Amino acid sequence: MKKIRLIYIFLPLMLAFTCEQKEDKLISDVENKITGEWIWVKSTYYNTNSGLPFVLSPDSVGYTVRQLFSTDGTYLQFKNDIIESSGIYWLETVPIKDNTETEVRLFSQKEDYVNFVKLSITGDSLILDNTLGDGTLKLFRRILGE
């Protein structure tokens, strides 16, 4: 009988510890992947008056955007090689789908303003998904050889 009680006590603790380790590893992996320099490829805007999405790119707007994420938790955003924005960033996991999965969100802060977006990194592509906020999906490519 005591063994069964011990199982009921230790099982939840073990599950909580395992989930916490999984989320910590997920954030650590994303932190390692996001560090570096990224160049803006395109932005797709879904919240439009016409109801149809439209796409902007460096060619269509006439300027470039680069995003630099440092290992010390700071970021710099350049527009045509001039610093346009800077601040701090951090990552957090957020439960989704009835708490069965988690996604990583990128939080950034400039002065008193905090912003967050859903983040995904696949290979050399970084997607900042704010479709639930302002309706944008931004694609960046890693700048290699830096």
N, C-alpha and C. Protein backbone atom coordinates (compact mmCIF):
# COMPACT_ATOMS: atom_id res chain seq x y z
N MET A 1 0.81 -1.18 0.00
CA MET A 1 0.00 0.00 0.00
C MET A 1 0.86 1.27 0.00
N LYS A 2 1.97 1.23 0.73
CA LYS A 2 2.87 2.38 0.78
C LYS A 2 3.50 2.65 -0.58
N LYS A 3 3.76 1.59 -1.34
CA LYS A 3 4.36 1.75 -2.66
C LYS A 3 3.41 2.49 -3.59
N ILE A 4 2.15 2.19 -3.51
CA ILE A 4 1.15 2.87 -4.34
C ILE A 4 1.08 4.35 -3.98
N ARG A 5 1.12 4.65 -2.70
CA ARG A 5 1.10 6.05 -2.28
C ARG A 5 2.32 6.80 -2.79
N LEU A 6 3.48 6.14 -2.73
CA LEU A 6 4.70 6.76 -3.22
C LEU A 6 4.59 7.07 -4.72
N ILE A 7 3.97 6.17 -5.46
CA ILE A 7 3.79 6.39 -6.90
C ILE A 7 2.93 7.63 -7.12
N TYR A 8 1.84 7.77 -6.36
CA TYR A 8 0.96 8.93 -6.50
C TYR A 8 1.65 10.24 -6.11
N ILE A 9 2.63 10.15 -5.25
CA ILE A 9 3.36 11.34 -4.84
C ILE A 9 4.44 11.69 -5.86
N PHE A 10 5.22 10.70 -6.28
CA PHE A 10 6.36 10.97 -7.14
C PHE A 10 6.03 11.09 -8.62
N LEU A 11 4.99 10.47 -9.09
CA LEU A 11 4.63 10.53 -10.50
C LEU A 11 4.36 11.96 -10.96
N PRO A 12 3.53 12.74 -10.27
CA PRO A 12 3.32 14.13 -10.71
C PRO A 12 4.60 14.96 -10.68
N LEU A 13 5.44 14.73 -9.68
CA LEU A 13 6.70 15.46 -9.60
C LEU A 13 7.61 15.12 -10.78
N MET A 14 7.67 13.85 -11.12
CA MET A 14 8.50 13.42 -12.25
C MET A 14 7.97 14.00 -13.56
N LEU A 15 6.66 14.00 -13.74
CA LEU A 15 6.07 14.54 -14.97
C LEU A 15 6.32 16.04 -15.08
N ALA A 16 6.18 16.76 -13.98
CA ALA A 16 6.43 18.21 -14.00
C ALA A 16 7.89 18.49 -14.34
N PHE A 17 8.81 17.73 -13.77
CA PHE A 17 10.22 17.92 -14.03
C PHE A 17 10.55 17.62 -15.49
N THR A 18 9.96 16.57 -16.04
CA THR A 18 10.19 16.19 -17.43
C THR A 18 9.68 17.27 -18.37
N CYS A 19 8.49 17.80 -18.12
CA CYS A 19 7.92 18.85 -18.97
C CYS A 19 8.77 20.11 -18.91
N GLU A 20 9.24 20.46 -17.71
CA GLU A 20 10.06 21.65 -17.56
C GLU A 20 11.37 21.49 -18.32
N GLN A 21 11.98 20.33 -18.25
CA GLN A 21 13.22 20.09 -18.98
C GLN A 21 12.97 20.18 -20.49
N LYS A 22 11.85 19.66 -20.96
CA LYS A 22 11.52 19.69 -22.38
C LYS A 22 11.37 21.13 -22.86
N GLU A 23 10.67 21.97 -22.09
CA GLU A 23 10.49 23.38 -22.45
C GLU A 23 11.81 24.13 -22.39
N ASP A 24 12.64 23.87 -21.38
CA ASP A 24 13.95 24.51 -21.28
C ASP A 24 14.82 24.15 -22.47
N LYS A 25 14.78 22.89 -22.88
CA LYS A 25 15.56 22.45 -24.04
C LYS A 25 15.06 23.12 -25.31
N LEU A 26 13.74 23.23 -25.45
CA LEU A 26 13.16 23.88 -26.62
C LEU A 26 13.62 25.33 -26.72
N ILE A 27 13.56 26.06 -25.61
CA ILE A 27 14.01 27.46 -25.60
C ILE A 27 15.50 27.54 -25.89
N SER A 28 16.29 26.66 -25.28
CA SER A 28 17.73 26.67 -25.50
C SER A 28 18.06 26.41 -26.97
N ASP A 29 17.38 25.46 -27.58
CA ASP A 29 17.59 25.17 -29.01
C ASP A 29 17.27 26.38 -29.87
N VAL A 30 16.14 27.03 -29.59
CA VAL A 30 15.73 28.20 -30.38
C VAL A 30 16.70 29.36 -30.15
N GLU A 31 17.15 29.56 -28.90
CA GLU A 31 18.13 30.62 -28.62
C GLU A 31 19.39 30.42 -29.46
N ASN A 32 19.85 29.17 -29.54
CA ASN A 32 21.04 28.88 -30.33
C ASN A 32 20.80 29.14 -31.82
N LYS A 33 19.59 28.87 -32.28
CA LYS A 33 19.28 29.05 -33.70
C LYS A 33 19.04 30.50 -34.08
N ILE A 34 18.47 31.29 -33.19
CA ILE A 34 18.11 32.68 -33.54
C ILE A 34 19.30 33.61 -33.51
N THR A 35 20.30 33.28 -32.72
CA THR A 35 21.47 34.14 -32.60
C THR A 35 22.14 34.32 -33.96
N GLY A 36 22.39 35.58 -34.31
CA GLY A 36 23.04 35.89 -35.58
C GLY A 36 22.29 36.95 -36.33
N GLU A 37 22.59 37.06 -37.61
CA GLU A 37 22.04 38.13 -38.43
C GLU A 37 21.09 37.56 -39.48
N TRP A 38 19.97 38.25 -39.64
CA TRP A 38 18.91 37.83 -40.55
C TRP A 38 18.54 38.98 -41.47
N ILE A 39 18.25 38.66 -42.73
CA ILE A 39 17.83 39.69 -43.67
C ILE A 39 16.38 39.45 -44.08
N TRP A 40 15.62 40.51 -44.14
CA TRP A 40 14.20 40.45 -44.46
C TRP A 40 14.01 40.06 -45.92
N VAL A 41 13.14 39.08 -46.15
CA VAL A 41 12.83 38.60 -47.51
C VAL A 41 11.49 39.15 -47.96
N LYS A 42 10.47 39.00 -47.11
CA LYS A 42 9.14 39.51 -47.47
C LYS A 42 8.25 39.54 -46.25
N SER A 43 7.20 40.33 -46.35
CA SER A 43 6.14 40.38 -45.34
C SER A 43 4.81 40.19 -46.05
N THR A 44 3.99 39.31 -45.50
CA THR A 44 2.65 39.11 -46.04
C THR A 44 1.67 39.69 -45.04
N TYR A 45 0.81 40.59 -45.55
CA TYR A 45 -0.18 41.26 -44.71
C TYR A 45 -1.55 40.66 -45.00
N TYR A 46 -2.20 40.16 -43.95
CA TYR A 46 -3.49 39.49 -44.11
C TYR A 46 -4.67 40.37 -43.72
N ASN A 47 -4.48 41.35 -42.84
CA ASN A 47 -5.56 42.25 -42.44
C ASN A 47 -5.61 43.43 -43.40
N THR A 48 -6.36 43.28 -44.48
CA THR A 48 -6.44 44.33 -45.49
C THR A 48 -7.89 44.72 -45.71
N ASN A 49 -8.09 45.91 -46.26
CA ASN A 49 -9.45 46.37 -46.55
C ASN A 49 -10.13 45.50 -47.60
N SER A 50 -9.36 45.01 -48.55
CA SER A 50 -9.94 44.19 -49.62
C SER A 50 -10.20 42.75 -49.18
N GLY A 51 -9.59 42.35 -48.08
CA GLY A 51 -9.72 40.96 -47.63
C GLY A 51 -8.70 40.04 -48.29
N LEU A 52 -7.94 40.57 -49.24
CA LEU A 52 -6.92 39.79 -49.91
C LEU A 52 -5.55 40.15 -49.35
N PRO A 53 -4.71 39.15 -49.08
CA PRO A 53 -3.38 39.46 -48.55
C PRO A 53 -2.52 40.14 -49.61
N PHE A 54 -1.57 40.95 -49.17
CA PHE A 54 -0.59 41.50 -50.10
C PHE A 54 0.79 41.32 -49.51
N VAL A 55 1.78 41.32 -50.41
CA VAL A 55 3.15 41.01 -50.03
C VAL A 55 4.04 42.22 -50.31
N LEU A 56 4.88 42.55 -49.34
CA LEU A 56 5.91 43.56 -49.52
C LEU A 56 7.27 42.89 -49.42
N SER A 57 8.22 43.39 -50.18
CA SER A 57 9.58 42.86 -50.17
C SER A 57 10.55 44.03 -50.32
N PRO A 58 11.83 43.80 -50.13
CA PRO A 58 12.79 44.88 -50.33
C PRO A 58 12.69 45.52 -51.71
N ASP A 59 12.44 44.72 -52.73
CA ASP A 59 12.31 45.25 -54.09
C ASP A 59 11.09 46.16 -54.21
N SER A 60 9.99 45.80 -53.58
CA SER A 60 8.76 46.59 -53.74
C SER A 60 8.75 47.86 -52.89
N VAL A 61 9.50 47.88 -51.78
CA VAL A 61 9.50 49.07 -50.92
C VAL A 61 10.76 49.93 -51.08
N GLY A 62 11.81 49.36 -51.67
CA GLY A 62 13.02 50.13 -51.93
C GLY A 62 14.00 50.24 -50.78
N TYR A 63 13.90 49.37 -49.80
CA TYR A 63 14.88 49.37 -48.71
C TYR A 63 15.05 47.94 -48.18
N THR A 64 16.15 47.74 -47.46
CA THR A 64 16.43 46.44 -46.85
C THR A 64 16.25 46.55 -45.34
N VAL A 65 15.99 45.42 -44.72
CA VAL A 65 15.90 45.34 -43.27
C VAL A 65 16.74 44.16 -42.81
N ARG A 66 17.58 44.40 -41.82
CA ARG A 66 18.36 43.33 -41.21
C ARG A 66 18.04 43.30 -39.73
N GLN A 67 18.02 42.11 -39.18
CA GLN A 67 17.76 41.91 -37.76
C GLN A 67 18.94 41.15 -37.18
N LEU A 68 19.53 41.66 -36.11
CA LEU A 68 20.66 41.02 -35.45
C LEU A 68 20.27 40.66 -34.03
N PHE A 69 20.34 39.36 -33.71
CA PHE A 69 20.05 38.87 -32.36
C PHE A 69 21.37 38.43 -31.73
N SER A 70 21.74 39.04 -30.62
CA SER A 70 23.00 38.72 -29.94
C SER A 70 22.77 37.71 -28.82
N THR A 71 23.84 37.06 -28.41
CA THR A 71 23.76 36.06 -27.34
C THR A 71 23.47 36.69 -25.99
N ASP A 72 23.69 37.99 -25.85
CA ASP A 72 23.44 38.66 -24.56
C ASP A 72 21.99 39.13 -24.40
N GLY A 73 21.10 38.74 -25.34
CA GLY A 73 19.69 39.08 -25.22
C GLY A 73 19.34 40.45 -25.76
N THR A 74 20.21 41.05 -26.57
CA THR A 74 19.90 42.33 -27.20
C THR A 74 19.69 42.12 -28.69
N TYR A 75 18.93 43.04 -29.28
CA TYR A 75 18.73 42.99 -30.73
C TYR A 75 18.96 44.37 -31.33
N LEU A 76 19.32 44.36 -32.60
CA LEU A 76 19.43 45.58 -33.39
C LEU A 76 18.65 45.35 -34.68
N GLN A 77 17.91 46.35 -35.12
CA GLN A 77 17.22 46.28 -36.40
C GLN A 77 17.75 47.41 -37.27
N PHE A 78 18.20 47.06 -38.46
CA PHE A 78 18.76 48.01 -39.38
C PHE A 78 17.82 48.20 -40.57
N LYS A 79 17.68 49.44 -41.02
CA LYS A 79 16.97 49.74 -42.26
C LYS A 79 18.01 50.41 -43.14
N ASN A 80 18.31 49.77 -44.29
CA ASN A 80 19.38 50.26 -45.17
C ASN A 80 20.67 50.54 -44.41
N ASP A 81 21.05 49.60 -43.56
CA ASP A 81 22.31 49.65 -42.80
C ASP A 81 22.38 50.76 -41.76
N ILE A 82 21.26 51.38 -41.44
CA ILE A 82 21.20 52.37 -40.37
C ILE A 82 20.33 51.79 -39.25
N ILE A 83 20.82 51.86 -38.01
CA ILE A 83 20.06 51.30 -36.89
C ILE A 83 18.71 52.02 -36.77
N GLU A 84 17.66 51.25 -36.90
CA GLU A 84 16.30 51.79 -36.79
C GLU A 84 15.70 51.51 -35.42
N SER A 85 16.11 50.40 -34.82
CA SER A 85 15.53 50.00 -33.54
C SER A 85 16.52 49.12 -32.79
N SER A 86 16.44 49.17 -31.47
CA SER A 86 17.27 48.30 -30.64
C SER A 86 16.56 48.08 -29.32
N GLY A 87 16.93 47.02 -28.65
CA GLY A 87 16.31 46.71 -27.36
C GLY A 87 16.75 45.35 -26.88
N ILE A 88 15.91 44.75 -26.04
CA ILE A 88 16.20 43.41 -25.53
C ILE A 88 15.17 42.44 -26.07
N TYR A 89 15.53 41.16 -26.06
CA TYR A 89 14.59 40.12 -26.47
C TYR A 89 14.73 38.92 -25.55
N TRP A 90 13.67 38.12 -25.49
CA TRP A 90 13.70 36.87 -24.76
C TRP A 90 12.67 35.94 -25.37
N LEU A 91 12.79 34.68 -25.04
CA LEU A 91 11.90 33.65 -25.57
C LEU A 91 11.10 33.03 -24.44
N GLU A 92 9.87 32.68 -24.72
CA GLU A 92 9.03 31.98 -23.76
C GLU A 92 8.23 30.91 -24.49
N THR A 93 7.93 29.82 -23.78
CA THR A 93 7.06 28.80 -24.35
C THR A 93 5.63 29.09 -23.92
N VAL A 94 4.70 28.81 -24.81
CA VAL A 94 3.29 29.04 -24.55
C VAL A 94 2.54 27.76 -24.90
N PRO A 95 1.73 27.25 -23.97
CA PRO A 95 0.98 26.03 -24.28
C PRO A 95 -0.09 26.29 -25.34
N ILE A 96 -0.25 25.32 -26.23
CA ILE A 96 -1.30 25.38 -27.25
C ILE A 96 -2.01 24.04 -27.31
N LYS A 97 -3.09 23.99 -28.03
CA LYS A 97 -3.85 22.74 -28.24
C LYS A 97 -4.11 22.01 -26.93
N ASP A 98 -4.90 22.64 -26.07
CA ASP A 98 -5.29 22.04 -24.78
C ASP A 98 -4.09 21.63 -23.94
N ASN A 99 -3.04 22.44 -23.98
CA ASN A 99 -1.82 22.21 -23.19
C ASN A 99 -1.08 20.94 -23.55
N THR A 100 -1.32 20.37 -24.74
CA THR A 100 -0.61 19.16 -25.13
C THR A 100 0.66 19.48 -25.90
N GLU A 101 0.76 20.70 -26.46
CA GLU A 101 1.95 21.13 -27.19
C GLU A 101 2.32 22.53 -26.75
N THR A 102 3.54 22.92 -27.06
CA THR A 102 3.96 24.29 -26.76
C THR A 102 4.56 24.91 -28.01
N GLU A 103 4.49 26.23 -28.08
CA GLU A 103 5.16 26.96 -29.14
C GLU A 103 6.04 28.01 -28.50
N VAL A 104 7.02 28.47 -29.24
CA VAL A 104 7.94 29.47 -28.72
C VAL A 104 7.51 30.84 -29.24
N ARG A 105 7.49 31.80 -28.33
CA ARG A 105 7.20 33.19 -28.71
C ARG A 105 8.42 34.05 -28.44
N LEU A 106 8.65 34.96 -29.35
CA LEU A 106 9.75 35.92 -29.23
C LEU A 106 9.19 37.22 -28.67
N PHE A 107 9.70 37.63 -27.53
CA PHE A 107 9.31 38.89 -26.92
C PHE A 107 10.43 39.88 -27.14
N SER A 108 10.07 41.12 -27.46
CA SER A 108 11.08 42.17 -27.58
C SER A 108 10.58 43.39 -26.85
N GLN A 109 11.54 44.13 -26.30
CA GLN A 109 11.19 45.33 -25.56
C GLN A 109 12.09 46.47 -25.99
N LYS A 110 11.45 47.59 -26.34
CA LYS A 110 12.14 48.83 -26.64
C LYS A 110 11.53 49.87 -25.72
N GLU A 111 12.34 50.37 -24.81
CA GLU A 111 11.87 51.28 -23.76
C GLU A 111 10.74 50.62 -22.99
N ASP A 112 9.54 51.20 -22.94
CA ASP A 112 8.43 50.61 -22.18
C ASP A 112 7.52 49.73 -23.03
N TYR A 113 7.78 49.62 -24.32
CA TYR A 113 6.90 48.87 -25.22
C TYR A 113 7.38 47.43 -25.37
N VAL A 114 6.50 46.47 -25.06
CA VAL A 114 6.81 45.05 -25.22
C VAL A 114 5.95 44.49 -26.34
N ASN A 115 6.58 43.76 -27.24
CA ASN A 115 5.89 43.13 -28.36
C ASN A 115 6.22 41.64 -28.34
N PHE A 116 5.31 40.83 -28.85
CA PHE A 116 5.64 39.41 -28.98
C PHE A 116 5.04 38.86 -30.27
N VAL A 117 5.72 37.86 -30.82
CA VAL A 117 5.27 37.17 -32.03
C VAL A 117 5.55 35.68 -31.88
N LYS A 118 4.80 34.89 -32.59
CA LYS A 118 5.09 33.46 -32.69
C LYS A 118 6.33 33.33 -33.58
N LEU A 119 7.18 32.42 -33.23
CA LEU A 119 8.48 32.30 -33.89
C LEU A 119 8.69 30.88 -34.38
N SER A 120 9.21 30.75 -35.59
CA SER A 120 9.64 29.42 -36.05
C SER A 120 10.89 29.58 -36.89
N ILE A 121 11.81 28.66 -36.69
CA ILE A 121 13.07 28.65 -37.43
C ILE A 121 13.21 27.27 -38.06
N THR A 122 13.36 27.28 -39.38
CA THR A 122 13.59 26.04 -40.12
C THR A 122 14.79 26.27 -41.03
N GLY A 123 15.87 25.55 -40.77
CA GLY A 123 17.08 25.75 -41.56
C GLY A 123 17.55 27.19 -41.44
N ASP A 124 17.65 27.88 -42.58
CA ASP A 124 18.08 29.28 -42.59
C ASP A 124 16.92 30.25 -42.74
N SER A 125 15.71 29.81 -42.43
CA SER A 125 14.53 30.66 -42.51
C SER A 125 13.97 30.96 -41.12
N LEU A 126 13.68 32.22 -40.88
CA LEU A 126 13.07 32.69 -39.65
C LEU A 126 11.72 33.29 -40.00
N ILE A 127 10.67 32.80 -39.37
CA ILE A 127 9.34 33.34 -39.60
C ILE A 127 8.84 33.96 -38.30
N LEU A 128 8.47 35.24 -38.39
CA LEU A 128 7.87 35.95 -37.27
C LEU A 128 6.39 36.10 -37.61
N ASP A 129 5.56 35.37 -36.89
CA ASP A 129 4.13 35.26 -37.19
C ASP A 129 3.33 36.11 -36.21
N ASN A 130 2.78 37.21 -36.72
CA ASN A 130 1.92 38.06 -35.91
C ASN A 130 0.54 38.17 -36.56
N THR A 131 0.11 37.06 -37.17
CA THR A 131 -1.17 37.07 -37.88
C THR A 131 -2.34 37.27 -36.92
N LEU A 132 -2.20 36.87 -35.67
CA LEU A 132 -3.27 37.09 -34.71
C LEU A 132 -3.25 38.51 -34.16
N GLY A 133 -2.15 39.22 -34.31
CA GLY A 133 -2.03 40.60 -33.84
C GLY A 133 -2.35 41.57 -34.95
N ASP A 134 -1.30 42.01 -35.65
CA ASP A 134 -1.51 42.99 -36.72
C ASP A 134 -1.70 42.36 -38.10
N GLY A 135 -1.72 41.04 -38.15
CA GLY A 135 -2.01 40.35 -39.42
C GLY A 135 -0.82 40.14 -40.32
N THR A 136 0.40 40.20 -39.79
CA THR A 136 1.58 40.06 -40.64
C THR A 136 2.32 38.75 -40.39
N LEU A 137 2.97 38.31 -41.45
CA LEU A 137 3.85 37.15 -41.40
C LEU A 137 5.13 37.58 -42.10
N LYS A 138 6.25 37.64 -41.34
CA LYS A 138 7.50 38.14 -41.90
C LYS A 138 8.50 37.00 -42.04
N LEU A 139 9.13 36.95 -43.21
CA LEU A 139 10.13 35.93 -43.50
C LEU A 139 11.50 36.57 -43.59
N PHE A 140 12.47 35.99 -42.86
CA PHE A 140 13.85 36.42 -42.90
C PHE A 140 14.72 35.23 -43.29
N ARG A 141 15.87 35.48 -43.89
CA ARG A 141 16.88 34.46 -44.19
C ARG A 141 18.15 34.79 -43.41
N ARG A 142 18.79 33.74 -42.92
CA ARG A 142 20.05 33.94 -42.19
C ARG A 142 21.12 34.44 -43.15
N ILE A 143 21.90 35.41 -42.68
CA ILE A 143 23.04 35.89 -43.46
C ILE A 143 24.21 34.99 -43.09
N LEU A 144 24.69 34.24 -44.04
CA LEU A 144 25.78 33.29 -43.79
C LEU A 144 27.14 33.95 -44.01
N GLY A 145 28.14 33.38 -43.42
CA GLY A 145 29.51 33.84 -43.64
C GLY A 145 29.89 35.03 -42.80
N GLU A 146 29.08 35.36 -41.81
CA GLU A 146 29.40 36.51 -40.96
C GLU A 146 30.27 36.07 -39.81
